[in-house]
Amino acid sequence: AESFETISDTFKDSPPHVRKAATGLSDLSKSLSKRDAQLSELLKGSARFTKTLENRKSSFETLIEDGGPLLGEL
């Protein structure tokens, strides 16, 4: 994000469309930087969820196996 700010500052005396593009790239870079941390947390949460499912695999298998006959009776 800082590098795009530097580029934006470098082009401050350029035509308006060039400045606007540089500013837009700087803003995009900042947004992606913020989202990177959020994405990292999301992936960590997904990994924990997957591990929980893995640890409870036998419970899910039993539930499915026992649920079949129960649904058959209903």
N, C-alpha and C. Protein backbone atom coordinates (compact mmCIF):
# COMPACT_ATOMS: atom_id res chain seq x y z
N ALA A 1 0.83 -1.19 0.00
CA ALA A 1 0.00 0.00 0.00
C ALA A 1 0.87 1.26 0.00
N GLU A 2 1.96 1.22 0.76
CA GLU A 2 2.83 2.39 0.82
C GLU A 2 3.48 2.68 -0.53
N SER A 3 3.83 1.63 -1.26
CA SER A 3 4.48 1.84 -2.55
C SER A 3 3.55 2.56 -3.52
N PHE A 4 2.25 2.23 -3.47
CA PHE A 4 1.31 2.92 -4.34
C PHE A 4 1.11 4.37 -3.91
N GLU A 5 1.21 4.64 -2.61
CA GLU A 5 1.14 6.04 -2.15
C GLU A 5 2.33 6.82 -2.71
N THR A 6 3.50 6.19 -2.72
CA THR A 6 4.69 6.84 -3.27
C THR A 6 4.50 7.12 -4.75
N ILE A 7 3.96 6.13 -5.47
CA ILE A 7 3.69 6.32 -6.90
C ILE A 7 2.69 7.45 -7.10
N SER A 8 1.65 7.44 -6.28
CA SER A 8 0.64 8.50 -6.37
C SER A 8 1.27 9.87 -6.14
N ASP A 9 2.15 9.96 -5.14
CA ASP A 9 2.84 11.23 -4.87
C ASP A 9 3.75 11.62 -6.04
N THR A 10 4.39 10.63 -6.64
CA THR A 10 5.29 10.89 -7.76
C THR A 10 4.54 11.50 -8.95
N PHE A 11 3.31 11.03 -9.16
CA PHE A 11 2.53 11.50 -10.30
C PHE A 11 1.60 12.67 -9.97
N LYS A 12 1.84 13.35 -8.85
CA LYS A 12 0.94 14.42 -8.43
C LYS A 12 0.87 15.58 -9.43
N ASP A 13 1.92 15.78 -10.21
CA ASP A 13 1.93 16.86 -11.20
C ASP A 13 1.56 16.36 -12.60
N SER A 14 1.10 15.14 -12.69
CA SER A 14 0.71 14.55 -13.97
C SER A 14 -0.71 14.97 -14.33
N PRO A 15 -1.14 14.66 -15.55
CA PRO A 15 -2.52 14.97 -15.94
C PRO A 15 -3.52 14.31 -14.98
N PRO A 16 -4.71 14.88 -14.87
CA PRO A 16 -5.71 14.38 -13.92
C PRO A 16 -6.01 12.88 -14.05
N HIS A 17 -6.10 12.38 -15.27
CA HIS A 17 -6.44 10.96 -15.43
C HIS A 17 -5.33 10.05 -14.90
N VAL A 18 -4.08 10.48 -14.99
CA VAL A 18 -2.96 9.70 -14.46
C VAL A 18 -2.99 9.73 -12.93
N ARG A 19 -3.22 10.90 -12.37
CA ARG A 19 -3.31 11.03 -10.90
C ARG A 19 -4.46 10.18 -10.37
N LYS A 20 -5.58 10.25 -11.07
CA LYS A 20 -6.76 9.49 -10.64
C LYS A 20 -6.48 7.99 -10.67
N ALA A 21 -5.80 7.52 -11.70
CA ALA A 21 -5.45 6.10 -11.79
C ALA A 21 -4.49 5.70 -10.67
N ALA A 22 -3.49 6.52 -10.40
CA ALA A 22 -2.53 6.22 -9.33
C ALA A 22 -3.22 6.22 -7.97
N THR A 23 -4.11 7.17 -7.75
CA THR A 23 -4.86 7.22 -6.49
C THR A 23 -5.76 5.99 -6.36
N GLY A 24 -6.39 5.61 -7.46
CA GLY A 24 -7.25 4.42 -7.45
C GLY A 24 -6.46 3.17 -7.12
N LEU A 25 -5.27 3.04 -7.68
CA LEU A 25 -4.43 1.88 -7.38
C LEU A 25 -4.00 1.88 -5.92
N SER A 26 -3.70 3.05 -5.39
CA SER A 26 -3.33 3.16 -3.98
C SER A 26 -4.49 2.73 -3.08
N ASP A 27 -5.69 3.20 -3.40
CA ASP A 27 -6.88 2.83 -2.62
C ASP A 27 -7.15 1.33 -2.70
N LEU A 28 -7.00 0.77 -3.90
CA LEU A 28 -7.20 -0.67 -4.08
C LEU A 28 -6.19 -1.47 -3.26
N SER A 29 -4.96 -1.03 -3.27
CA SER A 29 -3.91 -1.71 -2.51
C SER A 29 -4.22 -1.70 -1.02
N LYS A 30 -4.69 -0.56 -0.51
CA LYS A 30 -5.05 -0.47 0.92
C LYS A 30 -6.19 -1.42 1.24
N SER A 31 -7.18 -1.47 0.37
CA SER A 31 -8.33 -2.33 0.59
C SER A 31 -7.92 -3.80 0.61
N LEU A 32 -7.07 -4.19 -0.34
CA LEU A 32 -6.60 -5.57 -0.40
C LEU A 32 -5.78 -5.92 0.84
N SER A 33 -5.01 -4.97 1.30
CA SER A 33 -4.20 -5.20 2.50
C SER A 33 -5.08 -5.48 3.71
N LYS A 34 -6.16 -4.72 3.86
CA LYS A 34 -7.09 -4.94 4.97
C LYS A 34 -7.79 -6.28 4.82
N ARG A 35 -8.19 -6.62 3.60
CA ARG A 35 -8.90 -7.87 3.36
C ARG A 35 -7.99 -9.08 3.57
N ASP A 36 -6.69 -8.89 3.39
CA ASP A 36 -5.74 -9.98 3.57
C ASP A 36 -5.80 -10.51 4.99
N ALA A 37 -5.85 -9.62 5.96
CA ALA A 37 -5.93 -10.04 7.36
C ALA A 37 -7.25 -10.75 7.64
N GLN A 38 -8.33 -10.24 7.07
CA GLN A 38 -9.63 -10.89 7.26
C GLN A 38 -9.66 -12.26 6.61
N LEU A 39 -9.08 -12.38 5.44
CA LEU A 39 -9.04 -13.67 4.75
C LEU A 39 -8.21 -14.67 5.54
N SER A 40 -7.13 -14.21 6.11
CA SER A 40 -6.30 -15.07 6.94
C SER A 40 -7.09 -15.63 8.12
N GLU A 41 -7.85 -14.78 8.79
CA GLU A 41 -8.68 -15.22 9.91
C GLU A 41 -9.76 -16.20 9.45
N LEU A 42 -10.35 -15.95 8.29
CA LEU A 42 -11.35 -16.85 7.74
C LEU A 42 -10.76 -18.23 7.48
N LEU A 43 -9.57 -18.27 6.91
CA LEU A 43 -8.93 -19.55 6.62
C LEU A 43 -8.56 -20.29 7.90
N LYS A 44 -8.13 -19.57 8.92
CA LYS A 44 -7.82 -20.20 10.21
C LYS A 44 -9.09 -20.80 10.81
N GLY A 45 -10.19 -20.07 10.74
CA GLY A 45 -11.47 -20.58 11.24
C GLY A 45 -11.93 -21.80 10.47
N SER A 46 -11.74 -21.78 9.17
CA SER A 46 -12.11 -22.93 8.34
C SER A 46 -11.28 -24.15 8.70
N ALA A 47 -10.02 -23.94 8.98
CA ALA A 47 -9.15 -25.06 9.37
C ALA A 47 -9.60 -25.65 10.70
N ARG A 48 -9.98 -24.79 11.65
CA ARG A 48 -10.48 -25.29 12.94
C ARG A 48 -11.78 -26.07 12.76
N PHE A 49 -12.67 -25.56 11.92
CA PHE A 49 -13.94 -26.22 11.65
C PHE A 49 -13.70 -27.60 11.02
N THR A 50 -12.80 -27.65 10.05
CA THR A 50 -12.48 -28.92 9.39
C THR A 50 -11.90 -29.91 10.39
N LYS A 51 -11.04 -29.45 11.27
CA LYS A 51 -10.45 -30.32 12.29
C LYS A 51 -11.53 -30.86 13.23
N THR A 52 -12.48 -30.01 13.60
CA THR A 52 -13.59 -30.45 14.46
C THR A 52 -14.41 -31.52 13.77
N LEU A 53 -14.72 -31.31 12.50
CA LEU A 53 -15.47 -32.32 11.75
C LEU A 53 -14.70 -33.63 11.67
N GLU A 54 -13.40 -33.52 11.45
CA GLU A 54 -12.56 -34.72 11.37
C GLU A 54 -12.58 -35.47 12.71
N ASN A 55 -12.50 -34.74 13.80
CA ASN A 55 -12.50 -35.37 15.13
C ASN A 55 -13.84 -36.02 15.46
N ARG A 56 -14.90 -35.56 14.84
CA ARG A 56 -16.24 -36.08 15.15
C ARG A 56 -16.78 -36.97 14.04
N LYS A 57 -15.92 -37.41 13.17
CA LYS A 57 -16.32 -38.21 12.02
C LYS A 57 -17.11 -39.45 12.44
N SER A 58 -16.62 -40.16 13.44
CA SER A 58 -17.31 -41.39 13.86
C SER A 58 -18.69 -41.07 14.43
N SER A 59 -18.84 -39.95 15.10
CA SER A 59 -20.15 -39.56 15.62
C SER A 59 -21.13 -39.29 14.48
N PHE A 60 -20.65 -38.63 13.43
CA PHE A 60 -21.51 -38.37 12.28
C PHE A 60 -21.89 -39.67 11.57
N GLU A 61 -20.93 -40.58 11.46
CA GLU A 61 -21.21 -41.86 10.82
C GLU A 61 -22.28 -42.62 11.60
N THR A 62 -22.16 -42.64 12.91
CA THR A 62 -23.15 -43.33 13.75
C THR A 62 -24.51 -42.67 13.61
N LEU A 63 -24.55 -41.37 13.61
CA LEU A 63 -25.81 -40.64 13.46
C LEU A 63 -26.49 -40.99 12.14
N ILE A 64 -25.72 -41.03 11.08
CA ILE A 64 -26.28 -41.35 9.77
C ILE A 64 -26.75 -42.80 9.72
N GLU A 65 -25.94 -43.70 10.25
CA GLU A 65 -26.31 -45.12 10.25
C GLU A 65 -27.56 -45.36 11.09
N ASP A 66 -27.65 -44.74 12.25
CA ASP A 66 -28.80 -44.93 13.13
C ASP A 66 -30.02 -44.16 12.64
N GLY A 67 -29.80 -43.08 11.92
CA GLY A 67 -30.90 -42.26 11.43
C GLY A 67 -31.66 -42.92 10.30
N GLY A 68 -30.98 -43.76 9.51
CA GLY A 68 -31.63 -44.44 8.39
C GLY A 68 -32.81 -45.28 8.83
N PRO A 69 -32.61 -46.22 9.75
CA PRO A 69 -33.73 -47.04 10.21
C PRO A 69 -34.84 -46.21 10.88
N LEU A 70 -34.46 -45.17 11.60
CA LEU A 70 -35.45 -44.31 12.24
C LEU A 70 -36.34 -43.65 11.19
N LEU A 71 -35.74 -43.11 10.16
CA LEU A 71 -36.53 -42.49 9.09
C LEU A 71 -37.40 -43.52 8.38
N GLY A 72 -36.89 -44.74 8.29
CA GLY A 72 -37.68 -45.82 7.68
C GLY A 72 -38.94 -46.11 8.46
N GLU A 73 -38.89 -45.99 9.76
CA GLU A 73 -40.05 -46.24 10.62
C GLU A 73 -41.06 -45.10 10.54
N LEU A 74 -40.60 -43.91 10.23
CA LEU A 74 -41.50 -42.76 10.17
C LEU A 74 -42.26 -42.81 8.87
